[in-house]
PDB file of all heavy atoms in Angstrom:
ATOM      1  N   MET A   1       0.818  -1.200   0.000  1.00  0.00           N
ATOM      2  CA  MET A   1       0.000   0.000   0.000  1.00  0.00           C
ATOM      3  C   MET A   1       0.861   1.263   0.000  1.00  0.00           C
ATOM      4  O   MET A   1       0.556   2.242  -0.674  1.00  0.00           O
ATOM      5  CB  MET A   1      -0.926   0.012   1.222  1.00  0.00           C
ATOM      6  CG  MET A   1      -1.986  -1.085   1.233  1.00  0.00           C
ATOM      7  SD  MET A   1      -3.123  -0.996  -0.185  1.00  0.00           S
ATOM      8  CE  MET A   1      -2.360  -2.165  -1.330  1.00  0.00           C
ATOM      9  N   ILE A   2       1.950   1.225   0.744  1.00  0.00           N
ATOM     10  CA  ILE A   2       2.872   2.370   0.769  1.00  0.00           C
ATOM     11  C   ILE A   2       3.485   2.578  -0.616  1.00  0.00           C
ATOM     12  O   ILE A   2       3.620   3.711  -1.085  1.00  0.00           O
ATOM     13  CB  ILE A   2       3.970   2.155   1.830  1.00  0.00           C
ATOM     14  CG1 ILE A   2       3.358   2.190   3.238  1.00  0.00           C
ATOM     15  CG2 ILE A   2       5.057   3.212   1.700  1.00  0.00           C
ATOM     16  CD1 ILE A   2       4.333   1.852   4.341  1.00  0.00           C
ATOM     17  N   THR A   3       3.837   1.482  -1.285  1.00  0.00           N
ATOM     18  CA  THR A   3       4.392   1.580  -2.639  1.00  0.00           C
ATOM     19  C   THR A   3       3.408   2.245  -3.584  1.00  0.00           C
ATOM     20  O   THR A   3       3.774   3.117  -4.384  1.00  0.00           O
ATOM     21  CB  THR A   3       4.756   0.178  -3.166  1.00  0.00           C
ATOM     22  OG1 THR A   3       5.755  -0.398  -2.331  1.00  0.00           O
ATOM     23  CG2 THR A   3       5.268   0.254  -4.598  1.00  0.00           C
ATOM     24  N   PHE A   4       2.132   1.841  -3.496  1.00  0.00           N
ATOM     25  CA  PHE A   4       1.120   2.447  -4.360  1.00  0.00           C
ATOM     26  C   PHE A   4       0.976   3.938  -4.070  1.00  0.00           C
ATOM     27  O   PHE A   4       0.961   4.765  -5.001  1.00  0.00           O
ATOM     28  CB  PHE A   4      -0.224   1.746  -4.157  1.00  0.00           C
ATOM     29  CG  PHE A   4      -1.370   2.425  -4.855  1.00  0.00           C
ATOM     30  CD1 PHE A   4      -1.557   2.277  -6.219  1.00  0.00           C
ATOM     31  CD2 PHE A   4      -2.255   3.240  -4.154  1.00  0.00           C
ATOM     32  CE1 PHE A   4      -2.604   2.911  -6.874  1.00  0.00           C
ATOM     33  CE2 PHE A   4      -3.296   3.874  -4.787  1.00  0.00           C
ATOM     34  CZ  PHE A   4      -3.476   3.718  -6.154  1.00  0.00           C
ATOM     35  N   VAL A   5       0.873   4.304  -2.805  1.00  0.00           N
ATOM     36  CA  VAL A   5       0.676   5.712  -2.441  1.00  0.00           C
ATOM     37  C   VAL A   5       1.881   6.550  -2.876  1.00  0.00           C
ATOM     38  O   VAL A   5       1.722   7.645  -3.440  1.00  0.00           O
ATOM     39  CB  VAL A   5       0.430   5.856  -0.926  1.00  0.00           C
ATOM     40  CG1 VAL A   5       0.427   7.327  -0.517  1.00  0.00           C
ATOM     41  CG2 VAL A   5      -0.895   5.203  -0.543  1.00  0.00           C
ATOM     42  N   VAL A   6       3.091   6.051  -2.634  1.00  0.00           N
ATOM     43  CA  VAL A   6       4.296   6.795  -3.023  1.00  0.00           C
ATOM     44  C   VAL A   6       4.357   6.953  -4.540  1.00  0.00           C
ATOM     45  O   VAL A   6       4.699   8.024  -5.065  1.00  0.00           O
ATOM     46  CB  VAL A   6       5.558   6.083  -2.495  1.00  0.00           C
ATOM     47  CG1 VAL A   6       6.820   6.735  -3.060  1.00  0.00           C
ATOM     48  CG2 VAL A   6       5.592   6.119  -0.975  1.00  0.00           C
ATOM     49  N   THR A   7       4.008   5.889  -5.272  1.00  0.00           N
ATOM     50  CA  THR A   7       3.995   5.970  -6.739  1.00  0.00           C
ATOM     51  C   THR A   7       3.018   7.031  -7.221  1.00  0.00           C
ATOM     52  O   THR A   7       3.328   7.836  -8.115  1.00  0.00           O
ATOM     53  CB  THR A   7       3.624   4.607  -7.347  1.00  0.00           C
ATOM     54  OG1 THR A   7       4.546   3.620  -6.899  1.00  0.00           O
ATOM     55  CG2 THR A   7       3.657   4.670  -8.867  1.00  0.00           C
ATOM     56  N   MET A   8       1.820   7.052  -6.621  1.00  0.00           N
ATOM     57  CA  MET A   8       0.827   8.045  -7.022  1.00  0.00           C
ATOM     58  C   MET A   8       1.280   9.458  -6.653  1.00  0.00           C
ATOM     59  O   MET A   8       1.041  10.410  -7.408  1.00  0.00           O
ATOM     60  CB  MET A   8      -0.515   7.739  -6.360  1.00  0.00           C
ATOM     61  CG  MET A   8      -1.205   6.489  -6.896  1.00  0.00           C
ATOM     62  SD  MET A   8      -1.550   6.592  -8.686  1.00  0.00           S
ATOM     63  CE  MET A   8      -0.419   5.341  -9.323  1.00  0.00           C
ATOM     64  N   LEU A   9       1.958   9.614  -5.529  1.00  0.00           N
ATOM     65  CA  LEU A   9       2.473  10.937  -5.151  1.00  0.00           C
ATOM     66  C   LEU A   9       3.528  11.410  -6.145  1.00  0.00           C
ATOM     67  O   LEU A   9       3.582  12.594  -6.494  1.00  0.00           O
ATOM     68  CB  LEU A   9       3.059  10.892  -3.739  1.00  0.00           C
ATOM     69  CG  LEU A   9       2.058  10.776  -2.582  1.00  0.00           C
ATOM     70  CD1 LEU A   9       2.786  10.594  -1.258  1.00  0.00           C
ATOM     71  CD2 LEU A   9       1.147  12.004  -2.520  1.00  0.00           C
ATOM     72  N   ILE A  10       4.349  10.466  -6.613  1.00  0.00           N
ATOM     73  CA  ILE A  10       5.361  10.828  -7.619  1.00  0.00           C
ATOM     74  C   ILE A  10       4.693  11.236  -8.924  1.00  0.00           C
ATOM     75  O   ILE A  10       5.020  12.272  -9.521  1.00  0.00           O
ATOM     76  CB  ILE A  10       6.324   9.644  -7.849  1.00  0.00           C
ATOM     77  CG1 ILE A  10       7.157   9.389  -6.594  1.00  0.00           C
ATOM     78  CG2 ILE A  10       7.230   9.918  -9.040  1.00  0.00           C
ATOM     79  CD1 ILE A  10       7.990   8.129  -6.672  1.00  0.00           C
ATOM     80  N   LEU A  11       3.751  10.423  -9.386  1.00  0.00           N
ATOM     81  CA  LEU A  11       3.091  10.705 -10.660  1.00  0.00           C
ATOM     82  C   LEU A  11       2.215  11.946 -10.591  1.00  0.00           C
ATOM     83  O   LEU A  11       2.026  12.639 -11.605  1.00  0.00           O
ATOM     84  CB  LEU A  11       2.254   9.495 -11.086  1.00  0.00           C
ATOM     85  CG  LEU A  11       3.033   8.220 -11.442  1.00  0.00           C
ATOM     86  CD1 LEU A  11       2.086   7.068 -11.710  1.00  0.00           C
ATOM     87  CD2 LEU A  11       3.932   8.459 -12.657  1.00  0.00           C
ATOM     88  N   CYS A  12       1.654  12.236  -9.414  1.00  0.00           N
ATOM     89  CA  CYS A  12       0.758  13.386  -9.263  1.00  0.00           C
ATOM     90  C   CYS A  12       1.477  14.615  -8.731  1.00  0.00           C
ATOM     91  O   CYS A  12       0.814  15.590  -8.318  1.00  0.00           O
ATOM     92  CB  CYS A  12      -0.402  13.034  -8.331  1.00  0.00           C
ATOM     93  SG  CYS A  12      -1.501  11.761  -8.965  1.00  0.00           S
ATOM     94  N   PHE A  13       2.800  14.603  -8.736  1.00  0.00           N
ATOM     95  CA  PHE A  13       3.546  15.757  -8.217  1.00  0.00           C
ATOM     96  C   PHE A  13       3.181  17.068  -8.931  1.00  0.00           C
ATOM     97  O   PHE A  13       3.063  18.115  -8.272  1.00  0.00           O
ATOM     98  CB  PHE A  13       5.043  15.503  -8.315  1.00  0.00           C
ATOM     99  CG  PHE A  13       5.871  16.671  -7.860  1.00  0.00           C
ATOM    100  CD1 PHE A  13       6.039  16.935  -6.504  1.00  0.00           C
ATOM    101  CD2 PHE A  13       6.460  17.530  -8.790  1.00  0.00           C
ATOM    102  CE1 PHE A  13       6.793  18.021  -6.079  1.00  0.00           C
ATOM    103  CE2 PHE A  13       7.206  18.618  -8.380  1.00  0.00           C
ATOM    104  CZ  PHE A  13       7.376  18.863  -7.020  1.00  0.00           C
ATOM    105  N   PRO A  14       3.002  17.083 -10.276  1.00  0.00           N
ATOM    106  CA  PRO A  14       2.617  18.349 -10.923  1.00  0.00           C
ATOM    107  C   PRO A  14       1.315  18.922 -10.378  1.00  0.00           C
ATOM    108  O   PRO A  14       1.218  20.133 -10.128  1.00  0.00           O
ATOM    109  CB  PRO A  14       2.484  17.967 -12.405  1.00  0.00           C
ATOM    110  CG  PRO A  14       3.370  16.778 -12.560  1.00  0.00           C
ATOM    111  CD  PRO A  14       3.246  16.018 -11.280  1.00  0.00           C
ATOM    112  N   GLU A  15       0.301  18.074 -10.180  1.00  0.00           N
ATOM    113  CA  GLU A  15      -0.967  18.553  -9.646  1.00  0.00           C
ATOM    114  C   GLU A  15      -0.809  19.044  -8.204  1.00  0.00           C
ATOM    115  O   GLU A  15      -1.370  20.083  -7.827  1.00  0.00           O
ATOM    116  CB  GLU A  15      -2.028  17.456  -9.697  1.00  0.00           C
ATOM    117  CG  GLU A  15      -2.500  17.082 -11.086  1.00  0.00           C
ATOM    118  CD  GLU A  15      -1.624  16.042 -11.734  1.00  0.00           C
ATOM    119  OE1 GLU A  15      -0.492  15.802 -11.241  1.00  0.00           O
ATOM    120  OE2 GLU A  15      -2.050  15.455 -12.755  1.00  0.00           O
ATOM    121  N   ILE A  16      -0.039  18.300  -7.411  1.00  0.00           N
ATOM    122  CA  ILE A  16       0.181  18.695  -6.016  1.00  0.00           C
ATOM    123  C   ILE A  16       0.895  20.043  -5.957  1.00  0.00           C
ATOM    124  O   ILE A  16       0.557  20.908  -5.140  1.00  0.00           O
ATOM    125  CB  ILE A  16       0.986  17.606  -5.282  1.00  0.00           C
ATOM    126  CG1 ILE A  16       0.158  16.316  -5.184  1.00  0.00           C
ATOM    127  CG2 ILE A  16       1.410  18.074  -3.896  1.00  0.00           C
ATOM    128  CD1 ILE A  16       0.930  15.135  -4.631  1.00  0.00           C
ATOM    129  N   ALA A  17       1.865  20.226  -6.838  1.00  0.00           N
ATOM    130  CA  ALA A  17       2.620  21.480  -6.848  1.00  0.00           C
ATOM    131  C   ALA A  17       1.762  22.653  -7.287  1.00  0.00           C
ATOM    132  O   ALA A  17       1.804  23.737  -6.682  1.00  0.00           O
ATOM    133  CB  ALA A  17       3.844  21.338  -7.764  1.00  0.00           C
ATOM    134  N   ILE A  18       0.953  22.463  -8.333  1.00  0.00           N
ATOM    135  CA  ILE A  18       0.155  23.581  -8.833  1.00  0.00           C
ATOM    136  C   ILE A  18      -0.997  23.911  -7.893  1.00  0.00           C
ATOM    137  O   ILE A  18      -1.426  25.065  -7.795  1.00  0.00           O
ATOM    138  CB  ILE A  18      -0.352  23.297 -10.268  1.00  0.00           C
ATOM    139  CG1 ILE A  18      -0.738  24.601 -10.962  1.00  0.00           C
ATOM    140  CG2 ILE A  18      -1.527  22.341 -10.257  1.00  0.00           C
ATOM    141  CD1 ILE A  18      -0.997  24.450 -12.431  1.00  0.00           C
ATOM    142  N   LEU A  19      -1.486  22.913  -7.152  1.00  0.00           N
ATOM    143  CA  LEU A  19      -2.479  23.200  -6.112  1.00  0.00           C
ATOM    144  C   LEU A  19      -1.872  24.070  -5.017  1.00  0.00           C
ATOM    145  O   LEU A  19      -2.548  24.937  -4.445  1.00  0.00           O
ATOM    146  CB  LEU A  19      -3.006  21.901  -5.507  1.00  0.00           C
ATOM    147  CG  LEU A  19      -4.092  21.151  -6.284  1.00  0.00           C
ATOM    148  CD1 LEU A  19      -4.315  19.769  -5.682  1.00  0.00           C
ATOM    149  CD2 LEU A  19      -5.405  21.944  -6.297  1.00  0.00           C
ATOM    150  N   ALA A  20      -0.593  23.860  -4.724  1.00  0.00           N
ATOM    151  CA  ALA A  20       0.080  24.649  -3.686  1.00  0.00           C
ATOM    152  C   ALA A  20       0.389  26.060  -4.165  1.00  0.00           C
ATOM    153  O   ALA A  20       0.133  27.042  -3.451  1.00  0.00           O
ATOM    154  CB  ALA A  20       1.360  23.948  -3.245  1.00  0.00           C
ATOM    155  N   THR A  21       0.920  26.187  -5.376  1.00  0.00           N
ATOM    156  CA  THR A  21       1.352  27.496  -5.867  1.00  0.00           C
ATOM    157  C   THR A  21       0.188  28.391  -6.277  1.00  0.00           C
ATOM    158  O   THR A  21       0.353  29.609  -6.349  1.00  0.00           O
ATOM    159  CB  THR A  21       2.307  27.326  -7.056  1.00  0.00           C
ATOM    160  OG1 THR A  21       1.670  26.524  -8.071  1.00  0.00           O
ATOM    161  CG2 THR A  21       3.582  26.633  -6.623  1.00  0.00           C
ATOM    162  N   ASN A  22      -0.973  27.801  -6.554  1.00  0.00           N
ATOM    163  CA  ASN A  22      -2.122  28.597  -6.984  1.00  0.00           C
ATOM    164  C   ASN A  22      -3.242  28.613  -5.947  1.00  0.00           C
ATOM    165  O   ASN A  22      -4.373  28.973  -6.277  1.00  0.00           O
ATOM    166  CB  ASN A  22      -2.664  28.069  -8.309  1.00  0.00           C
ATOM    167  CG  ASN A  22      -1.732  28.351  -9.473  1.00  0.00           C
ATOM    168  OD1 ASN A  22      -1.773  29.410 -10.087  1.00  0.00           O
ATOM    169  ND2 ASN A  22      -0.853  27.397  -9.758  1.00  0.00           N
ATOM    170  N   ARG A  23      -2.939  28.239  -4.725  1.00  0.00           N
ATOM    171  CA  ARG A  23      -3.957  28.284  -3.669  1.00  0.00           C
ATOM    172  C   ARG A  23      -4.300  29.742  -3.350  1.00  0.00           C
ATOM    173  O   ARG A  23      -3.413  30.543  -3.076  1.00  0.00           O
ATOM    174  CB  ARG A  23      -3.450  27.588  -2.409  1.00  0.00           C
ATOM    175  CG  ARG A  23      -4.427  27.630  -1.231  1.00  0.00           C
ATOM    176  CD  ARG A  23      -3.884  26.838  -0.061  1.00  0.00           C
ATOM    177  NE  ARG A  23      -2.622  27.359   0.407  1.00  0.00           N
ATOM    178  CZ  ARG A  23      -2.507  28.342   1.317  1.00  0.00           C
ATOM    179  NH1 ARG A  23      -3.578  28.898   1.844  1.00  0.00           N
ATOM    180  NH2 ARG A  23      -1.309  28.757   1.696  1.00  0.00           N
ATOM    181  N   PRO A  24      -5.584  30.100  -3.424  1.00  0.00           N
ATOM    182  CA  PRO A  24      -5.973  31.479  -3.069  1.00  0.00           C
ATOM    183  C   PRO A  24      -5.533  31.821  -1.652  1.00  0.00           C
ATOM    184  O   PRO A  24      -5.572  30.979  -0.752  1.00  0.00           O
ATOM    185  CB  PRO A  24      -7.501  31.448  -3.195  1.00  0.00           C
ATOM    186  CG  PRO A  24      -7.776  30.327  -4.136  1.00  0.00           C
ATOM    187  CD  PRO A  24      -6.726  29.299  -3.873  1.00  0.00           C
ATOM    188  N   GLU A  25      -5.114  33.057  -1.447  1.00  0.00           N
ATOM    189  CA  GLU A  25      -4.528  33.455  -0.171  1.00  0.00           C
ATOM    190  C   GLU A  25      -5.510  33.323   0.985  1.00  0.00           C
ATOM    191  O   GLU A  25      -5.110  33.011   2.111  1.00  0.00           O
ATOM    192  CB  GLU A  25      -4.021  34.903  -0.256  1.00  0.00           C
ATOM    193  CG  GLU A  25      -2.855  35.072  -1.217  1.00  0.00           C
ATOM    194  CD  GLU A  25      -2.360  36.501  -1.252  1.00  0.00           C
ATOM    195  OE1 GLU A  25      -2.975  37.351  -0.556  1.00  0.00           O
ATOM    196  OE2 GLU A  25      -1.370  36.767  -1.951  1.00  0.00           O
ATOM    197  N   TYR A  26      -6.790  33.569   0.728  1.00  0.00           N
ATOM    198  CA  TYR A  26      -7.740  33.557   1.839  1.00  0.00           C
ATOM    199  C   TYR A  26      -8.250  32.151   2.174  1.00  0.00           C
ATOM    200  O   TYR A  26      -9.038  31.985   3.097  1.00  0.00           O
ATOM    201  CB  TYR A  26      -8.919  34.496   1.580  1.00  0.00           C
ATOM    202  CG  TYR A  26      -9.772  34.148   0.372  1.00  0.00           C
ATOM    203  CD1 TYR A  26     -10.805  33.226   0.472  1.00  0.00           C
ATOM    204  CD2 TYR A  26      -9.560  34.765  -0.844  1.00  0.00           C
ATOM    205  CE1 TYR A  26     -11.598  32.920  -0.612  1.00  0.00           C
ATOM    206  CE2 TYR A  26     -10.347  34.479  -1.942  1.00  0.00           C
ATOM    207  CZ  TYR A  26     -11.359  33.557  -1.821  1.00  0.00           C
ATOM    208  OH  TYR A  26     -12.140  33.264  -2.904  1.00  0.00           O
ATOM    209  N   LEU A  27      -7.796  31.133   1.424  1.00  0.00           N
ATOM    210  CA  LEU A  27      -8.132  29.752   1.772  1.00  0.00           C
ATOM    211  C   LEU A  27      -7.068  29.195   2.712  1.00  0.00           C
ATOM    212  O   LEU A  27      -5.874  29.392   2.513  1.00  0.00           O
ATOM    213  CB  LEU A  27      -8.216  28.881   0.525  1.00  0.00           C
ATOM    214  CG  LEU A  27      -9.405  29.116  -0.413  1.00  0.00           C
ATOM    215  CD1 LEU A  27      -9.399  28.070  -1.526  1.00  0.00           C
ATOM    216  CD2 LEU A  27     -10.720  29.072   0.333  1.00  0.00           C
ATOM    217  N   SER A  28      -7.504  28.484   3.707  1.00  0.00           N
ATOM    218  CA  SER A  28      -6.598  27.929   4.699  1.00  0.00           C
ATOM    219  C   SER A  28      -5.715  26.840   4.089  1.00  0.00           C
ATOM    220  O   SER A  28      -6.092  26.170   3.125  1.00  0.00           O
ATOM    221  CB  SER A  28      -7.397  27.360   5.879  1.00  0.00           C
ATOM    222  OG  SER A  28      -6.560  26.610   6.741  1.00  0.00           O
ATOM    223  N   ILE A  29      -4.516  26.693   4.677  1.00  0.00           N
ATOM    224  CA  ILE A  29      -3.623  25.623   4.242  1.00  0.00           C
ATOM    225  C   ILE A  29      -4.258  24.258   4.483  1.00  0.00           C
ATOM    226  O   ILE A  29      -3.930  23.272   3.814  1.00  0.00           O
ATOM    227  CB  ILE A  29      -2.272  25.727   5.002  1.00  0.00           C
ATOM    228  CG1 ILE A  29      -1.241  24.760   4.412  1.00  0.00           C
ATOM    229  CG2 ILE A  29      -2.475  25.447   6.488  1.00  0.00           C
ATOM    230  CD1 ILE A  29      -0.783  25.094   3.030  1.00  0.00           C
ATOM    231  N   THR A  30      -5.216  24.212   5.405  1.00  0.00           N
ATOM    232  CA  THR A  30      -5.944  22.962   5.654  1.00  0.00           C
ATOM    233  C   THR A  30      -6.683  22.500   4.409  1.00  0.00           C
ATOM    234  O   THR A  30      -6.790  21.298   4.140  1.00  0.00           O
ATOM    235  CB  THR A  30      -6.935  23.153   6.810  1.00  0.00           C
ATOM    236  OG1 THR A  30      -6.243  23.627   7.959  1.00  0.00           O
ATOM    237  CG2 THR A  30      -7.639  21.846   7.150  1.00  0.00           C
ATOM    238  N   ASN A  31      -7.212  23.452   3.636  1.00  0.00           N
ATOM    239  CA  ASN A  31      -7.916  23.100   2.409  1.00  0.00           C
ATOM    240  C   ASN A  31      -6.972  22.433   1.409  1.00  0.00           C
ATOM    241  O   ASN A  31      -7.371  21.518   0.679  1.00  0.00           O
ATOM    242  CB  ASN A  31      -8.543  24.337   1.776  1.00  0.00           C
ATOM    243  CG  ASN A  31      -9.612  24.960   2.644  1.00  0.00           C
ATOM    244  OD1 ASN A  31      -9.569  26.154   2.941  1.00  0.00           O
ATOM    245  ND2 ASN A  31     -10.591  24.172   3.081  1.00  0.00           N
ATOM    246  N   TYR A  32      -5.719  22.881   1.388  1.00  0.00           N
ATOM    247  CA  TYR A  32      -4.734  22.292   0.479  1.00  0.00           C
ATOM    248  C   TYR A  32      -4.476  20.832   0.838  1.00  0.00           C
ATOM    249  O   TYR A  32      -4.542  19.938  -0.025  1.00  0.00           O
ATOM    250  CB  TYR A  32      -3.438  23.097   0.518  1.00  0.00           C
ATOM    251  CG  TYR A  32      -2.283  22.427  -0.168  1.00  0.00           C
ATOM    252  CD1 TYR A  32      -2.243  22.297  -1.561  1.00  0.00           C
ATOM    253  CD2 TYR A  32      -1.216  21.900   0.564  1.00  0.00           C
ATOM    254  CE1 TYR A  32      -1.183  21.672  -2.194  1.00  0.00           C
ATOM    255  CE2 TYR A  32      -0.155  21.276  -0.063  1.00  0.00           C
ATOM    256  CZ  TYR A  32      -0.139  21.162  -1.435  1.00  0.00           C
ATOM    257  OH  TYR A  32       0.912  20.540  -2.063  1.00  0.00           O
ATOM    258  N   PHE A  33      -4.188  20.583   2.115  1.00  0.00           N
ATOM    259  CA  PHE A  33      -3.910  19.208   2.538  1.00  0.00           C
ATOM    260  C   PHE A  33      -5.164  18.329   2.436  1.00  0.00           C
ATOM    261  O   PHE A  33      -5.069  17.134   2.139  1.00  0.00           O
ATOM    262  CB  PHE A  33      -3.360  19.189   3.957  1.00  0.00           C
ATOM    263  CG  PHE A  33      -1.953  19.716   4.054  1.00  0.00           C
ATOM    264  CD1 PHE A  33      -1.682  20.932   4.656  1.00  0.00           C
ATOM    265  CD2 PHE A  33      -0.899  18.995   3.517  1.00  0.00           C
ATOM    266  CE1 PHE A  33      -0.387  21.415   4.743  1.00  0.00           C
ATOM    267  CE2 PHE A  33       0.405  19.476   3.591  1.00  0.00           C
ATOM    268  CZ  PHE A  33       0.661  20.683   4.203  1.00  0.00           C
ATOM    269  N   SER A  34      -6.333  18.929   2.643  1.00  0.00           N
ATOM    270  CA  SER A  34      -7.577  18.166   2.480  1.00  0.00           C
ATOM    271  C   SER A  34      -7.752  17.737   1.031  1.00  0.00           C
ATOM    272  O   SER A  34      -8.195  16.616   0.748  1.00  0.00           O
ATOM    273  CB  SER A  34      -8.773  19.007   2.932  1.00  0.00           C
ATOM    274  OG  SER A  34      -8.689  19.317   4.305  1.00  0.00           O
ATOM    275  N   ALA A  35      -7.414  18.646   0.093  1.00  0.00           N
ATOM    276  CA  ALA A  35      -7.523  18.312  -1.325  1.00  0.00           C
ATOM    277  C   ALA A  35      -6.569  17.179  -1.702  1.00  0.00           C
ATOM    278  O   ALA A  35      -6.940  16.267  -2.462  1.00  0.00           O
ATOM    279  CB  ALA A  35      -7.233  19.553  -2.171  1.00  0.00           C
ATOM    280  N   ILE A  36      -5.344  17.207  -1.169  1.00  0.00           N
ATOM    281  CA  ILE A  36      -4.366  16.155  -1.475  1.00  0.00           C
ATOM    282  C   ILE A  36      -4.833  14.817  -0.905  1.00  0.00           C
ATOM    283  O   ILE A  36      -4.801  13.785  -1.587  1.00  0.00           O
ATOM    284  CB  ILE A  36      -2.980  16.521  -0.920  1.00  0.00           C
ATOM    285  CG1 ILE A  36      -2.514  17.861  -1.488  1.00  0.00           C
ATOM    286  CG2 ILE A  36      -1.981  15.417  -1.249  1.00  0.00           C
ATOM    287  CD1 ILE A  36      -2.459  17.921  -2.992  1.00  0.00           C
ATOM    288  N   LEU A  37      -5.260  14.819   0.350  1.00  0.00           N
ATOM    289  CA  LEU A  37      -5.736  13.579   0.968  1.00  0.00           C
ATOM    290  C   LEU A  37      -6.950  13.021   0.232  1.00  0.00           C
ATOM    291  O   LEU A  37      -7.070  11.810   0.026  1.00  0.00           O
ATOM    292  CB  LEU A  37      -6.077  13.821   2.436  1.00  0.00           C
ATOM    293  CG  LEU A  37      -4.902  13.987   3.394  1.00  0.00           C
ATOM    294  CD1 LEU A  37      -5.399  14.365   4.785  1.00  0.00           C
ATOM    295  CD2 LEU A  37      -4.080  12.705   3.457  1.00  0.00           C
ATOM    296  N   PHE A  38      -7.855  13.921  -0.162  1.00  0.00           N
ATOM    297  CA  PHE A  38      -9.028  13.491  -0.915  1.00  0.00           C
ATOM    298  C   PHE A  38      -8.616  12.853  -2.238  1.00  0.00           C
ATOM    299  O   PHE A  38      -9.146  11.805  -2.631  1.00  0.00           O
ATOM    300  CB  PHE A  38      -9.947  14.684  -1.156  1.00  0.00           C
ATOM    301  CG  PHE A  38     -11.119  14.369  -2.038  1.00  0.00           C
ATOM    302  CD1 PHE A  38     -12.194  13.644  -1.560  1.00  0.00           C
ATOM    303  CD2 PHE A  38     -11.146  14.798  -3.364  1.00  0.00           C
ATOM    304  CE1 PHE A  38     -13.277  13.342  -2.375  1.00  0.00           C
ATOM    305  CE2 PHE A  38     -12.220  14.508  -4.176  1.00  0.00           C
ATOM    306  CZ  PHE A  38     -13.284  13.779  -3.690  1.00  0.00           C
ATOM    307  N   GLY A  39      -7.653  13.467  -2.930  1.00  0.00           N
ATOM    308  CA  GLY A  39      -7.195  12.923  -4.202  1.00  0.00           C
ATOM    309  C   GLY A  39      -6.563  11.549  -4.052  1.00  0.00           C
ATOM    310  O   GLY A  39      -6.846  10.630  -4.829  1.00  0.00           O
ATOM    311  N   ILE A  40      -5.714  11.380  -3.039  1.00  0.00           N
ATOM    312  CA  ILE A  40      -5.071  10.077  -2.821  1.00  0.00           C
ATOM    313  C   ILE A  40      -6.106   9.028  -2.437  1.00  0.00           C
ATOM    314  O   ILE A  40      -6.036   7.874  -2.872  1.00  0.00           O
ATOM    315  CB  ILE A  40      -3.992  10.198  -1.736  1.00  0.00           C
ATOM    316  CG1 ILE A  40      -2.880  11.154  -2.197  1.00  0.00           C
ATOM    317  CG2 ILE A  40      -3.417   8.834  -1.405  1.00  0.00           C
ATOM    318  CD1 ILE A  40      -2.179  10.727  -3.465  1.00  0.00           C
ATOM    319  N   SER A  41      -7.085   9.416  -1.629  1.00  0.00           N
ATOM    320  CA  SER A  41      -8.132   8.461  -1.251  1.00  0.00           C
ATOM    321  C   SER A  41      -8.946   8.039  -2.467  1.00  0.00           C
ATOM    322  O   SER A  41      -9.352   6.873  -2.590  1.00  0.00           O
ATOM    323  CB  SER A  41      -9.048   9.066  -0.187  1.00  0.00           C
ATOM    324  OG  SER A  41      -9.836  10.131  -0.714  1.00  0.00           O
ATOM    325  N   LEU A  42      -9.191   8.972  -3.383  1.00  0.00           N
ATOM    326  CA  LEU A  42      -9.918   8.645  -4.616  1.00  0.00           C
ATOM    327  C   LEU A  42      -9.121   7.654  -5.464  1.00  0.00           C
ATOM    328  O   LEU A  42      -9.681   6.685  -6.003  1.00  0.00           O
ATOM    329  CB  LEU A  42     -10.191   9.924  -5.409  1.00  0.00           C
ATOM    330  CG  LEU A  42     -10.841   9.768  -6.792  1.00  0.00           C
ATOM    331  CD1 LEU A  42     -12.181   9.059  -6.681  1.00  0.00           C
ATOM    332  CD2 LEU A  42     -11.010  11.131  -7.450  1.00  0.00           C
TER     333      LEU A  42
END
């Protein structure tokens, strides 16, 4: 399971990075990590 999650994190690095760099300022950092966790769970 760790191998699968790490592989997906590697392959999804562009999306993870652009979600971080384009996060609106007034949205909490919690929303960013929630989006990443939601994506990995999906």
